Amino acid sequence: MEAVPTLAQHIRTEMSKVVVGQDDLKTQCLLLLLCQGHALLEGVPGIAKTLAVKTLSRLLRLEFQRVQCTSDLMPADIIGTSIAQRADLHASAARRRDQPHAASHAGRAARVHGGAPGDD
């Protein structure tokens, strides 16, 4: 059971090399990771929301993908959608678009919400 506190301290130390301050944010990200949860990070631009999650994902060698929240964001923009596609005039088929539309436009590969593109 000593492995978890050791790992947590290592992650905090490494994150602190990149993210200055924001101890609550770093703690919440770590708790979220240990609980295998999901989060919506909200806050004004420039408080290291994206940087914290991107750093955590790099430390753990995970894929990073950012979704920008807007007032017109729909669930399909995040989870993907089925698209009807006609190969010829007499047949139709549906294909699954696995990559969300919003994420594909972000061009980035933990999902983070809030702020403007390039903030943090």
PDB file of N, CA and C in Angstrom:
ATOM      1  N   MET A   1       0.816  -1.189   0.000  1.00  0.00           N
ATOM      2  CA  MET A   1       0.000   0.000   0.000  1.00  0.00           C
ATOM      3  C   MET A   1       0.864   1.260   0.000  1.00  0.00           C
ATOM      4  N   GLU A   2       2.152   1.131   0.183  1.00  0.00           N
ATOM      5  CA  GLU A   2       3.041   2.293   0.165  1.00  0.00           C
ATOM      6  C   GLU A   2       3.251   2.818  -1.250  1.00  0.00           C
ATOM      7  N   ALA A   3       2.906   2.033  -2.251  1.00  0.00           N
ATOM      8  CA  ALA A   3       3.121   2.446  -3.636  1.00  0.00           C
ATOM      9  C   ALA A   3       2.252   3.648  -4.010  1.00  0.00           C
ATOM     10  N   VAL A   4       1.027   3.703  -3.517  1.00  0.00           N
ATOM     11  CA  VAL A   4       0.121   4.801  -3.888  1.00  0.00           C
ATOM     12  C   VAL A   4       0.625   6.145  -3.358  1.00  0.00           C
ATOM     13  N   PRO A   5       0.970   6.264  -2.065  1.00  0.00           N
ATOM     14  CA  PRO A   5       1.500   7.555  -1.610  1.00  0.00           C
ATOM     15  C   PRO A   5       2.808   7.948  -2.304  1.00  0.00           C
ATOM     16  N   THR A   6       3.640   6.967  -2.593  1.00  0.00           N
ATOM     17  CA  THR A   6       4.898   7.247  -3.290  1.00  0.00           C
ATOM     18  C   THR A   6       4.627   7.762  -4.690  1.00  0.00           C
ATOM     19  N   LEU A   7       3.714   7.107  -5.393  1.00  0.00           N
ATOM     20  CA  LEU A   7       3.345   7.540  -6.742  1.00  0.00           C
ATOM     21  C   LEU A   7       2.710   8.926  -6.703  1.00  0.00           C
ATOM     22  N   ALA A   8       1.828   9.153  -5.743  1.00  0.00           N
ATOM     23  CA  ALA A   8       1.166  10.456  -5.624  1.00  0.00           C
ATOM     24  C   ALA A   8       2.189  11.568  -5.391  1.00  0.00           C
ATOM     25  N   GLN A   9       3.140  11.324  -4.536  1.00  0.00           N
ATOM     26  CA  GLN A   9       4.165  12.335  -4.261  1.00  0.00           C
ATOM     27  C   GLN A   9       5.034  12.588  -5.488  1.00  0.00           C
ATOM     28  N   HIS A  10       5.364  11.523  -6.204  1.00  0.00           N
ATOM     29  CA  HIS A  10       6.156  11.668  -7.428  1.00  0.00           C
ATOM     30  C   HIS A  10       5.397  12.521  -8.455  1.00  0.00           C
ATOM     31  N   ILE A  11       4.105  12.240  -8.632  1.00  0.00           N
ATOM     32  CA  ILE A  11       3.303  12.995  -9.595  1.00  0.00           C
ATOM     33  C   ILE A  11       3.212  14.461  -9.178  1.00  0.00           C
ATOM     34  N   ARG A  12       2.973  14.720  -7.886  1.00  0.00           N
ATOM     35  CA  ARG A  12       2.912  16.105  -7.404  1.00  0.00           C
ATOM     36  C   ARG A  12       4.234  16.835  -7.652  1.00  0.00           C
ATOM     37  N   THR A  13       5.340  16.169  -7.366  1.00  0.00           N
ATOM     38  CA  THR A  13       6.659  16.777  -7.561  1.00  0.00           C
ATOM     39  C   THR A  13       6.895  17.103  -9.025  1.00  0.00           C
ATOM     40  N   GLU A  14       6.603  16.162  -9.901  1.00  0.00           N
ATOM     41  CA  GLU A  14       6.823  16.374 -11.334  1.00  0.00           C
ATOM     42  C   GLU A  14       5.886  17.429 -11.900  1.00  0.00           C
ATOM     43  N   MET A  15       4.624  17.429 -11.455  1.00  0.00           N
ATOM     44  CA  MET A  15       3.676  18.443 -11.923  1.00  0.00           C
ATOM     45  C   MET A  15       4.104  19.834 -11.473  1.00  0.00           C
ATOM     46  N   SER A  16       4.675  19.919 -10.275  1.00  0.00           N
ATOM     47  CA  SER A  16       5.102  21.219  -9.744  1.00  0.00           C
ATOM     48  C   SER A  16       6.266  21.808 -10.520  1.00  0.00           C
ATOM     49  N   LYS A  17       6.993  20.968 -11.252  1.00  0.00           N
ATOM     50  CA  LYS A  17       8.073  21.475 -12.093  1.00  0.00           C
ATOM     51  C   LYS A  17       7.527  22.252 -13.293  1.00  0.00           C
ATOM     52  N   VAL A  18       6.273  21.964 -13.656  1.00  0.00           N
ATOM     53  CA  VAL A  18       5.663  22.594 -14.820  1.00  0.00           C
ATOM     54  C   VAL A  18       4.579  23.599 -14.419  1.00  0.00           C
ATOM     55  N   VAL A  19       3.725  23.198 -13.478  1.00  0.00           N
ATOM     56  CA  VAL A  19       2.605  24.032 -13.041  1.00  0.00           C
ATOM     57  C   VAL A  19       2.971  24.691 -11.717  1.00  0.00           C
ATOM     58  N   VAL A  20       3.119  26.001 -11.721  1.00  0.00           N
ATOM     59  CA  VAL A  20       3.490  26.736 -10.516  1.00  0.00           C
ATOM     60  C   VAL A  20       2.224  27.066  -9.729  1.00  0.00           C
ATOM     61  N   GLY A  21       2.238  26.758  -8.429  1.00  0.00           N
ATOM     62  CA  GLY A  21       1.058  27.013  -7.601  1.00  0.00           C
ATOM     63  C   GLY A  21      -0.052  26.033  -7.948  1.00  0.00           C
ATOM     64  N   GLN A  22      -1.280  26.482  -7.864  1.00  0.00           N
ATOM     65  CA  GLN A  22      -2.448  25.671  -8.222  1.00  0.00           C
ATOM     66  C   GLN A  22      -2.453  24.314  -7.508  1.00  0.00           C
ATOM     67  N   ASP A  23      -2.103  24.305  -6.211  1.00  0.00           N
ATOM     68  CA  ASP A  23      -2.036  23.054  -5.456  1.00  0.00           C
ATOM     69  C   ASP A  23      -3.384  22.335  -5.393  1.00  0.00           C
ATOM     70  N   ASP A  24      -4.487  23.100  -5.259  1.00  0.00           N
ATOM     71  CA  ASP A  24      -5.810  22.465  -5.235  1.00  0.00           C
ATOM     72  C   ASP A  24      -6.111  21.772  -6.557  1.00  0.00           C
ATOM     73  N   LEU A  25      -5.784  22.422  -7.649  1.00  0.00           N
ATOM     74  CA  LEU A  25      -6.015  21.840  -8.972  1.00  0.00           C
ATOM     75  C   LEU A  25      -5.214  20.556  -9.139  1.00  0.00           C
ATOM     76  N   LYS A  26      -3.952  20.585  -8.737  1.00  0.00           N
ATOM     77  CA  LYS A  26      -3.107  19.385  -8.856  1.00  0.00           C
ATOM     78  C   LYS A  26      -3.646  18.254  -7.978  1.00  0.00           C
ATOM     79  N   THR A  27      -4.084  18.577  -6.758  1.00  0.00           N
ATOM     80  CA  THR A  27      -4.645  17.566  -5.854  1.00  0.00           C
ATOM     81  C   THR A  27      -5.924  16.979  -6.436  1.00  0.00           C
ATOM     82  N   GLN A  28      -6.790  17.829  -6.966  1.00  0.00           N
ATOM     83  CA  GLN A  28      -8.038  17.347  -7.547  1.00  0.00           C
ATOM     84  C   GLN A  28      -7.788  16.471  -8.772  1.00  0.00           C
ATOM     85  N   CYS A  29      -6.829  16.834  -9.590  1.00  0.00           N
ATOM     86  CA  CYS A  29      -6.478  16.002 -10.752  1.00  0.00           C
ATOM     87  C   CYS A  29      -5.971  14.632 -10.307  1.00  0.00           C
ATOM     88  N   LEU A  30      -5.165  14.625  -9.273  1.00  0.00           N
ATOM     89  CA  LEU A  30      -4.630  13.368  -8.754  1.00  0.00           C
ATOM     90  C   LEU A  30      -5.737  12.499  -8.158  1.00  0.00           C
ATOM     91  N   LEU A  31      -6.629  13.100  -7.391  1.00  0.00           N
ATOM     92  CA  LEU A  31      -7.755  12.357  -6.818  1.00  0.00           C
ATOM     93  C   LEU A  31      -8.651  11.802  -7.912  1.00  0.00           C
ATOM     94  N   LEU A  32      -8.896  12.599  -8.913  1.00  0.00           N
ATOM     95  CA  LEU A  32      -9.700  12.167 -10.040  1.00  0.00           C
ATOM     96  C   LEU A  32      -9.086  10.946 -10.717  1.00  0.00           C
ATOM     97  N   LEU A  33      -7.795  10.985 -10.891  1.00  0.00           N
ATOM     98  CA  LEU A  33      -7.073   9.871 -11.503  1.00  0.00           C
ATOM     99  C   LEU A  33      -7.196   8.609 -10.646  1.00  0.00           C
ATOM    100  N   LEU A  34      -6.965   8.744  -9.349  1.00  0.00           N
ATOM    101  CA  LEU A  34      -7.015   7.587  -8.452  1.00  0.00           C
ATOM    102  C   LEU A  34      -8.419   7.007  -8.330  1.00  0.00           C
ATOM    103  N   CYS A  35      -9.440   7.850  -8.478  1.00  0.00           N
ATOM    104  CA  CYS A  35     -10.832   7.399  -8.386  1.00  0.00           C
ATOM    105  C   CYS A  35     -11.397   6.985  -9.739  1.00  0.00           C
ATOM    106  N   GLN A  36     -10.596   7.097 -10.781  1.00  0.00           N
ATOM    107  CA  GLN A  36     -11.010   6.770 -12.146  1.00  0.00           C
ATOM    108  C   GLN A  36     -12.262   7.538 -12.542  1.00  0.00           C
ATOM    109  N   GLY A  37     -12.274   8.824 -12.242  1.00  0.00           N
ATOM    110  CA  GLY A  37     -13.446   9.646 -12.510  1.00  0.00           C
ATOM    111  C   GLY A  37     -13.298  10.523 -13.736  1.00  0.00           C
ATOM    112  N   HIS A  38     -14.262  11.397 -13.889  1.00  0.00           N
ATOM    113  CA  HIS A  38     -14.304  12.361 -14.984  1.00  0.00           C
ATOM    114  C   HIS A  38     -14.445  13.748 -14.373  1.00  0.00           C
ATOM    115  N   ALA A  39     -14.038  14.765 -15.104  1.00  0.00           N
ATOM    116  CA  ALA A  39     -14.127  16.116 -14.562  1.00  0.00           C
ATOM    117  C   ALA A  39     -14.391  17.131 -15.659  1.00  0.00           C
ATOM    118  N   LEU A  40     -15.001  18.207 -15.249  1.00  0.00           N
ATOM    119  CA  LEU A  40     -15.150  19.384 -16.076  1.00  0.00           C
ATOM    120  C   LEU A  40     -14.390  20.482 -15.352  1.00  0.00           C
ATOM    121  N   LEU A  41     -13.295  20.919 -15.928  1.00  0.00           N
ATOM    122  CA  LEU A  41     -12.489  21.966 -15.304  1.00  0.00           C
ATOM    123  C   LEU A  41     -12.978  23.314 -15.798  1.00  0.00           C
ATOM    124  N   GLU A  42     -13.382  24.152 -14.864  1.00  0.00           N
ATOM    125  CA  GLU A  42     -13.886  25.469 -15.206  1.00  0.00           C
ATOM    126  C   GLU A  42     -13.026  26.530 -14.539  1.00  0.00           C
ATOM    127  N   GLY A  43     -12.941  27.673 -15.147  1.00  0.00           N
ATOM    128  CA  GLY A  43     -12.208  28.778 -14.558  1.00  0.00           C
ATOM    129  C   GLY A  43     -11.850  29.800 -15.612  1.00  0.00           C
ATOM    130  N   VAL A  44     -11.392  30.935 -15.140  1.00  0.00           N
ATOM    131  CA  VAL A  44     -11.001  31.997 -16.065  1.00  0.00           C
ATOM    132  C   VAL A  44      -9.771  31.555 -16.853  1.00  0.00           C
ATOM    133  N   PRO A  45      -9.559  32.131 -18.018  1.00  0.00           N
ATOM    134  CA  PRO A  45      -8.379  31.780 -18.807  1.00  0.00           C
ATOM    135  C   PRO A  45      -7.081  32.087 -18.061  1.00  0.00           C
ATOM    136  N   GLY A  46      -6.092  31.227 -18.283  1.00  0.00           N
ATOM    137  CA  GLY A  46      -4.756  31.502 -17.770  1.00  0.00           C
ATOM    138  C   GLY A  46      -4.431  30.955 -16.402  1.00  0.00           C
ATOM    139  N   ILE A  47      -5.251  30.030 -15.878  1.00  0.00           N
ATOM    140  CA  ILE A  47      -4.958  29.492 -14.541  1.00  0.00           C
ATOM    141  C   ILE A  47      -4.429  28.061 -14.594  1.00  0.00           C
ATOM    142  N   ALA A  48      -3.905  27.666 -15.726  1.00  0.00           N
ATOM    143  CA  ALA A  48      -3.191  26.393 -15.911  1.00  0.00           C
ATOM    144  C   ALA A  48      -4.074  25.156 -15.908  1.00  0.00           C
ATOM    145  N   LYS A  49      -5.328  25.286 -16.305  1.00  0.00           N
ATOM    146  CA  LYS A  49      -6.206  24.113 -16.383  1.00  0.00           C
ATOM    147  C   LYS A  49      -5.676  23.114 -17.416  1.00  0.00           C
ATOM    148  N   THR A  50      -5.481  23.604 -18.618  1.00  0.00           N
ATOM    149  CA  THR A  50      -4.996  22.737 -19.691  1.00  0.00           C
ATOM    150  C   THR A  50      -3.588  22.243 -19.400  1.00  0.00           C
ATOM    151  N   LEU A  51      -2.738  23.120 -18.948  1.00  0.00           N
ATOM    152  CA  LEU A  51      -1.354  22.751 -18.662  1.00  0.00           C
ATOM    153  C   LEU A  51      -1.275  21.656 -17.604  1.00  0.00           C
ATOM    154  N   ALA A  52      -2.100  21.728 -16.558  1.00  0.00           N
ATOM    155  CA  ALA A  52      -2.080  20.718 -15.492  1.00  0.00           C
ATOM    156  C   ALA A  52      -2.472  19.348 -16.023  1.00  0.00           C
ATOM    157  N   VAL A  53      -3.549  19.288 -16.793  1.00  0.00           N
ATOM    158  CA  VAL A  53      -4.011  18.000 -17.304  1.00  0.00           C
ATOM    159  C   VAL A  53      -3.069  17.468 -18.381  1.00  0.00           C
ATOM    160  N   LYS A  54      -2.547  18.350 -19.200  1.00  0.00           N
ATOM    161  CA  LYS A  54      -1.590  17.934 -20.225  1.00  0.00           C
ATOM    162  C   LYS A  54      -0.325  17.375 -19.564  1.00  0.00           C
ATOM    163  N   THR A  55       0.136  18.024 -18.510  1.00  0.00           N
ATOM    164  CA  THR A  55       1.318  17.557 -17.777  1.00  0.00           C
ATOM    165  C   THR A  55       1.057  16.202 -17.145  1.00  0.00           C
ATOM    166  N   LEU A  56      -0.102  16.050 -16.520  1.00  0.00           N
ATOM    167  CA  LEU A  56      -0.470  14.767 -15.910  1.00  0.00           C
ATOM    168  C   LEU A  56      -0.517  13.666 -16.964  1.00  0.00           C
ATOM    169  N   SER A  57      -1.096  13.960 -18.107  1.00  0.00           N
ATOM    170  CA  SER A  57      -1.174  12.941 -19.161  1.00  0.00           C
ATOM    171  C   SER A  57       0.208  12.570 -19.686  1.00  0.00           C
ATOM    172  N   ARG A  58       1.106  13.536 -19.790  1.00  0.00           N
ATOM    173  CA  ARG A  58       2.473  13.234 -20.228  1.00  0.00           C
ATOM    174  C   ARG A  58       3.213  12.382 -19.197  1.00  0.00           C
ATOM    175  N   LEU A  59       3.020  12.701 -17.911  1.00  0.00           N
ATOM    176  CA  LEU A  59       3.673  11.921 -16.854  1.00  0.00           C
ATOM    177  C   LEU A  59       3.251  10.457 -16.898  1.00  0.00           C
ATOM    178  N   LEU A  60       1.985  10.231 -17.229  1.00  0.00           N
ATOM    179  CA  LEU A  60       1.441   8.874 -17.237  1.00  0.00           C
ATOM    180  C   LEU A  60       1.415   8.252 -18.626  1.00  0.00           C
ATOM    181  N   ARG A  61       1.988   8.979 -19.585  1.00  0.00           N
ATOM    182  CA  ARG A  61       2.038   8.518 -20.977  1.00  0.00           C
ATOM    183  C   ARG A  61       0.651   8.190 -21.513  1.00  0.00           C
ATOM    184  N   LEU A  62      -0.276   9.132 -21.287  1.00  0.00           N
ATOM    185  CA  LEU A  62      -1.646   9.000 -21.759  1.00  0.00           C
ATOM    186  C   LEU A  62      -1.877   9.948 -22.921  1.00  0.00           C
ATOM    187  N   GLU A  63      -2.907   9.681 -23.683  1.00  0.00           N
ATOM    188  CA  GLU A  63      -3.291  10.562 -24.773  1.00  0.00           C
ATOM    189  C   GLU A  63      -3.973  11.795 -24.186  1.00  0.00           C
ATOM    190  N   PHE A  64      -3.708  12.941 -24.734  1.00  0.00           N
ATOM    191  CA  PHE A  64      -4.332  14.186 -24.293  1.00  0.00           C
ATOM    192  C   PHE A  64      -5.222  14.712 -25.393  1.00  0.00           C
ATOM    193  N   GLN A  65      -6.456  15.055 -25.021  1.00  0.00           N
ATOM    194  CA  GLN A  65      -7.387  15.620 -25.982  1.00  0.00           C
ATOM    195  C   GLN A  65      -8.189  16.699 -25.275  1.00  0.00           C
ATOM    196  N   ARG A  66      -8.269  17.857 -25.881  1.00  0.00           N
ATOM    197  CA  ARG A  66      -8.954  18.990 -25.272  1.00  0.00           C
ATOM    198  C   ARG A  66     -10.214  19.296 -26.055  1.00  0.00           C
ATOM    199  N   VAL A  67     -11.323  19.486 -25.350  1.00  0.00           N
ATOM    200  CA  VAL A  67     -12.573  19.884 -25.975  1.00  0.00           C
ATOM    201  C   VAL A  67     -12.930  21.264 -25.450  1.00  0.00           C
ATOM    202  N   GLN A  68     -13.096  22.200 -26.349  1.00  0.00           N
ATOM    203  CA  GLN A  68     -13.450  23.569 -25.976  1.00  0.00           C
ATOM    204  C   GLN A  68     -14.955  23.653 -25.773  1.00  0.00           C
ATOM    205  N   CYS A  69     -15.394  24.032 -24.588  1.00  0.00           N
ATOM    206  CA  CYS A  69     -16.820  24.177 -24.295  1.00  0.00           C
ATOM    207  C   CYS A  69     -17.338  25.499 -24.853  1.00  0.00           C
ATOM    208  N   THR A  70     -18.431  25.407 -25.575  1.00  0.00           N
ATOM    209  CA  THR A  70     -19.121  26.598 -26.051  1.00  0.00           C
ATOM    210  C   THR A  70     -20.597  26.427 -25.747  1.00  0.00           C
ATOM    211  N   SER A  71     -21.371  27.480 -25.883  1.00  0.00           N
ATOM    212  CA  SER A  71     -22.796  27.415 -25.560  1.00  0.00           C
ATOM    213  C   SER A  71     -23.565  26.497 -26.499  1.00  0.00           C
ATOM    214  N   ASP A  72     -23.045  26.227 -27.688  1.00  0.00           N
ATOM    215  CA  ASP A  72     -23.744  25.365 -28.634  1.00  0.00           C
ATOM    216  C   ASP A  72     -23.160  23.946 -28.700  1.00  0.00           C
ATOM    217  N   LEU A  73     -22.337  23.560 -27.751  1.00  0.00           N
ATOM    218  CA  LEU A  73     -21.737  22.226 -27.731  1.00  0.00           C
ATOM    219  C   LEU A  73     -22.813  21.175 -27.477  1.00  0.00           C
ATOM    220  N   MET A  74     -22.839  20.160 -28.308  1.00  0.00           N
ATOM    221  CA  MET A  74     -23.824  19.081 -28.188  1.00  0.00           C
ATOM    222  C   MET A  74     -23.119  17.795 -27.765  1.00  0.00           C
ATOM    223  N   PRO A  75     -23.856  16.853 -27.142  1.00  0.00           N
ATOM    224  CA  PRO A  75     -23.229  15.587 -26.730  1.00  0.00           C
ATOM    225  C   PRO A  75     -22.500  14.869 -27.869  1.00  0.00           C
ATOM    226  N   ALA A  76     -23.069  14.890 -29.056  1.00  0.00           N
ATOM    227  CA  ALA A  76     -22.427  14.221 -30.196  1.00  0.00           C
ATOM    228  C   ALA A  76     -21.080  14.849 -30.537  1.00  0.00           C
ATOM    229  N   ASP A  77     -20.911  16.122 -30.201  1.00  0.00           N
ATOM    230  CA  ASP A  77     -19.631  16.784 -30.441  1.00  0.00           C
ATOM    231  C   ASP A  77     -18.530  16.175 -29.583  1.00  0.00           C
ATOM    232  N   ILE A  78     -18.906  15.583 -28.468  1.00  0.00           N
ATOM    233  CA  ILE A  78     -17.927  15.004 -27.547  1.00  0.00           C
ATOM    234  C   ILE A  78     -17.769  13.508 -27.755  1.00  0.00           C
ATOM    235  N   ILE A  79     -18.882  12.783 -27.899  1.00  0.00           N
ATOM    236  CA  ILE A  79     -18.800  11.314 -27.971  1.00  0.00           C
ATOM    237  C   ILE A  79     -18.801  10.767 -29.384  1.00  0.00           C
ATOM    238  N   GLY A  80     -19.038  11.609 -30.372  1.00  0.00           N
ATOM    239  CA  GLY A  80     -19.078  11.143 -31.753  1.00  0.00           C
ATOM    240  C   GLY A  80     -20.515  10.905 -32.195  1.00  0.00           C
ATOM    241  N   THR A  81     -20.693  10.530 -33.440  1.00  0.00           N
ATOM    242  CA  THR A  81     -22.037  10.358 -33.984  1.00  0.00           C
ATOM    243  C   THR A  81     -22.024   9.362 -35.134  1.00  0.00           C
ATOM    244  N   SER A  82     -23.203   8.859 -35.486  1.00  0.00           N
ATOM    245  CA  SER A  82     -23.347   8.016 -36.673  1.00  0.00           C
ATOM    246  C   SER A  82     -23.702   8.908 -37.846  1.00  0.00           C
ATOM    247  N   ILE A  83     -23.077   8.659 -38.981  1.00  0.00           N
ATOM    248  CA  ILE A  83     -23.304   9.480 -40.159  1.00  0.00           C
ATOM    249  C   ILE A  83     -23.833   8.588 -41.273  1.00  0.00           C
ATOM    250  N   ALA A  84     -25.002   8.945 -41.829  1.00  0.00           N
ATOM    251  CA  ALA A  84     -25.557   8.198 -42.953  1.00  0.00           C
ATOM    252  C   ALA A  84     -24.726   8.530 -44.184  1.00  0.00           C
ATOM    253  N   GLN A  85     -24.385   7.462 -44.916  1.00  0.00           N
ATOM    254  CA  GLN A  85     -23.514   7.657 -46.066  1.00  0.00           C
ATOM    255  C   GLN A  85     -24.012   6.789 -47.208  1.00  0.00           C
ATOM    256  N   ARG A  86     -24.154   7.363 -48.376  1.00  0.00           N
ATOM    257  CA  ARG A  86     -24.631   6.631 -49.536  1.00  0.00           C
ATOM    258  C   ARG A  86     -23.477   6.339 -50.480  1.00  0.00           C
ATOM    259  N   ALA A  87     -23.207   5.055 -50.667  1.00  0.00           N
ATOM    260  CA  ALA A  87     -22.146   4.660 -51.598  1.00  0.00           C
ATOM    261  C   ALA A  87     -22.625   4.795 -53.039  1.00  0.00           C
ATOM    262  N   ASP A  88     -23.876   4.463 -53.283  1.00  0.00           N
ATOM    263  CA  ASP A  88     -24.464   4.664 -54.605  1.00  0.00           C
ATOM    264  C   ASP A  88     -25.927   5.071 -54.421  1.00  0.00           C
ATOM    265  N   LEU A  89     -26.649   5.258 -55.460  1.00  0.00           N
ATOM    266  CA  LEU A  89     -28.029   5.742 -55.365  1.00  0.00           C
ATOM    267  C   LEU A  89     -28.987   4.723 -54.753  1.00  0.00           C
ATOM    268  N   HIS A  90     -28.648   3.421 -54.783  1.00  0.00           N
ATOM    269  CA  HIS A  90     -29.577   2.384 -54.342  1.00  0.00           C
ATOM    270  C   HIS A  90     -29.251   1.810 -52.973  1.00  0.00           C
ATOM    271  N   ALA A  91     -28.161   2.186 -52.375  1.00  0.00           N
ATOM    272  CA  ALA A  91     -27.768   1.613 -51.083  1.00  0.00           C
ATOM    273  C   ALA A  91     -27.356   2.725 -50.128  1.00  0.00           C
ATOM    274  N   SER A  92     -27.551   2.457 -48.860  1.00  0.00           N
ATOM    275  CA  SER A  92     -27.070   3.416 -47.858  1.00  0.00           C
ATOM    276  C   SER A  92     -26.460   2.639 -46.701  1.00  0.00           C
ATOM    277  N   ALA A  93     -25.578   3.249 -46.028  1.00  0.00           N
ATOM    278  CA  ALA A  93     -24.916   2.633 -44.876  1.00  0.00           C
ATOM    279  C   ALA A  93     -24.609   3.719 -43.860  1.00  0.00           C
ATOM    280  N   ALA A  94     -24.501   3.310 -42.604  1.00  0.00           N
ATOM    281  CA  ALA A  94     -24.123   4.264 -41.566  1.00  0.00           C
ATOM    282  C   ALA A  94     -22.721   3.922 -41.095  1.00  0.00           C
ATOM    283  N   ARG A  95     -21.932   4.917 -40.873  1.00  0.00           N
ATOM    284  CA  ARG A  95     -20.611   4.674 -40.321  1.00  0.00           C
ATOM    285  C   ARG A  95     -20.493   5.486 -39.039  1.00  0.00           C
ATOM    286  N   ARG A  96     -19.682   5.004 -38.147  1.00  0.00           N
ATOM    287  CA  ARG A  96     -19.483   5.662 -36.862  1.00  0.00           C
ATOM    288  C   ARG A  96     -18.294   6.599 -36.949  1.00  0.00           C
ATOM    289  N   ARG A  97     -18.490   7.825 -36.563  1.00  0.00           N
ATOM    290  CA  ARG A  97     -17.380   8.770 -36.481  1.00  0.00           C
ATOM    291  C   ARG A  97     -16.927   8.767 -35.034  1.00  0.00           C
ATOM    292  N   ASP A  98     -15.860   8.024 -34.749  1.00  0.00           N
ATOM    293  CA  ASP A  98     -15.408   7.846 -33.377  1.00  0.00           C
ATOM    294  C   ASP A  98     -14.807   9.109 -32.793  1.00  0.00           C
ATOM    295  N   GLN A  99     -14.053   9.842 -33.584  1.00  0.00           N
ATOM    296  CA  GLN A  99     -13.441  11.044 -33.049  1.00  0.00           C
ATOM    297  C   GLN A  99     -14.477  12.154 -33.039  1.00  0.00           C
ATOM    298  N   PRO A 100     -14.702  12.745 -31.905  1.00  0.00           N
ATOM    299  CA  PRO A 100     -15.679  13.821 -31.821  1.00  0.00           C
ATOM    300  C   PRO A 100     -15.320  14.984 -32.731  1.00  0.00           C
ATOM    301  N   HIS A 101     -16.343  15.598 -33.264  1.00  0.00           N
ATOM    302  CA  HIS A 101     -16.158  16.744 -34.151  1.00  0.00           C
ATOM    303  C   HIS A 101     -15.380  17.854 -33.452  1.00  0.00           C
ATOM    304  N   ALA A 102     -15.752  18.173 -32.214  1.00  0.00           N
ATOM    305  CA  ALA A 102     -15.098  19.267 -31.487  1.00  0.00           C
ATOM    306  C   ALA A 102     -13.623  18.963 -31.249  1.00  0.00           C
ATOM    307  N   ALA A 103     -13.311  17.715 -30.923  1.00  0.00           N
ATOM    308  CA  ALA A 103     -11.922  17.346 -30.656  1.00  0.00           C
ATOM    309  C   ALA A 103     -11.092  17.336 -31.927  1.00  0.00           C
ATOM    310  N   SER A 104     -11.695  16.928 -33.045  1.00  0.00           N
ATOM    311  CA  SER A 104     -10.929  16.891 -34.285  1.00  0.00           C
ATOM    312  C   SER A 104     -10.548  18.300 -34.718  1.00  0.00           C
ATOM    313  N   HIS A 105     -11.383  19.281 -34.406  1.00  0.00           N
ATOM    314  CA  HIS A 105     -11.043  20.660 -34.737  1.00  0.00           C
ATOM    315  C   HIS A 105      -9.999  21.226 -33.792  1.00  0.00           C
ATOM    316  N   ALA A 106      -9.968  20.704 -32.569  1.00  0.00           N
ATOM    317  CA  ALA A 106      -8.955  21.191 -31.623  1.00  0.00           C
ATOM    318  C   ALA A 106      -7.572  20.752 -32.076  1.00  0.00           C
ATOM    319  N   GLY A 107      -7.516  19.611 -32.779  1.00  0.00           N
ATOM    320  CA  GLY A 107      -6.244  19.144 -33.311  1.00  0.00           C
ATOM    321  C   GLY A 107      -5.292  18.684 -32.222  1.00  0.00           C
ATOM    322  N   ARG A 108      -5.815  18.282 -31.095  1.00  0.00           N
ATOM    323  CA  ARG A 108      -4.974  17.842 -29.992  1.00  0.00           C
ATOM    324  C   ARG A 108      -5.386  16.451 -29.576  1.00  0.00           C
ATOM    325  N   ALA A 109      -4.456  15.764 -29.092  1.00  0.00           N
ATOM    326  CA  ALA A 109      -4.762  14.425 -28.663  1.00  0.00           C
ATOM    327  C   ALA A 109      -4.587  14.357 -27.138  1.00  0.00           C
ATOM    328  N   ALA A 110      -7.332  12.628 -21.223  1.00  0.00           N
ATOM    329  CA  ALA A 110      -7.933  13.535 -20.458  1.00  0.00           C
ATOM    330  C   ALA A 110      -8.660  14.632 -21.119  1.00  0.00           C
ATOM    331  N   ARG A 111      -9.554  15.043 -21.456  1.00  0.00           N
ATOM    332  CA  ARG A 111     -10.365  16.093 -22.012  1.00  0.00           C
ATOM    333  C   ARG A 111     -10.445  17.223 -21.022  1.00  0.00           C
ATOM    334  N   VAL A 112     -10.268  18.427 -21.502  1.00  0.00           N
ATOM    335  CA  VAL A 112     -10.283  19.607 -20.643  1.00  0.00           C
ATOM    336  C   VAL A 112     -11.251  20.617 -21.218  1.00  0.00           C
ATOM    337  N   HIS A 113     -12.015  21.258 -20.392  1.00  0.00           N
ATOM    338  CA  HIS A 113     -12.982  22.246 -20.820  1.00  0.00           C
ATOM    339  C   HIS A 113     -12.634  23.600 -20.208  1.00  0.00           C
ATOM    340  N   GLY A 114     -12.930  24.649 -20.937  1.00  0.00           N
ATOM    341  CA  GLY A 114     -12.799  25.996 -20.403  1.00  0.00           C
ATOM    342  C   GLY A 114     -11.645  26.753 -21.009  1.00  0.00           C
ATOM    343  N   GLY A 115     -11.742  28.058 -20.951  1.00  0.00           N
ATOM    344  CA  GLY A 115     -10.682  28.902 -21.484  1.00  0.00           C
ATOM    345  C   GLY A 115     -10.737  28.983 -22.996  1.00  0.00           C
ATOM    346  N   ALA A 116      -9.925  29.788 -23.545  1.00  0.00           N
ATOM    347  CA  ALA A 116      -9.842  29.935 -24.993  1.00  0.00           C
ATOM    348  C   ALA A 116      -8.698  29.090 -25.527  1.00  0.00           C
ATOM    349  N   PRO A 117      -8.765  28.687 -26.803  1.00  0.00           N
ATOM    350  CA  PRO A 117      -7.680  27.896 -27.374  1.00  0.00           C
ATOM    351  C   PRO A 117      -6.342  28.598 -27.166  1.00  0.00           C
ATOM    352  N   GLY A 118      -5.381  27.865 -26.680  1.00  0.00           N
ATOM    353  CA  GLY A 118      -4.052  28.416 -26.447  1.00  0.00           C
ATOM    354  C   GLY A 118      -3.867  28.990 -25.056  1.00  0.00           C
ATOM    355  N   ASP A 119      -4.977  29.133 -24.299  1.00  0.00           N
ATOM    356  CA  ASP A 119      -4.854  29.625 -22.928  1.00  0.00           C
ATOM    357  C   ASP A 119      -4.219  28.565 -22.061  1.00  0.00           C
ATOM    358  N   ASP A 120      -3.787  28.960 -20.925  1.00  0.00           N
ATOM    359  CA  ASP A 120      -3.165  28.072 -19.935  1.00  0.00           C
ATOM    360  C   ASP A 120      -1.786  27.723 -20.394  1.00  0.00           C
TER     361      ASP A 120
END
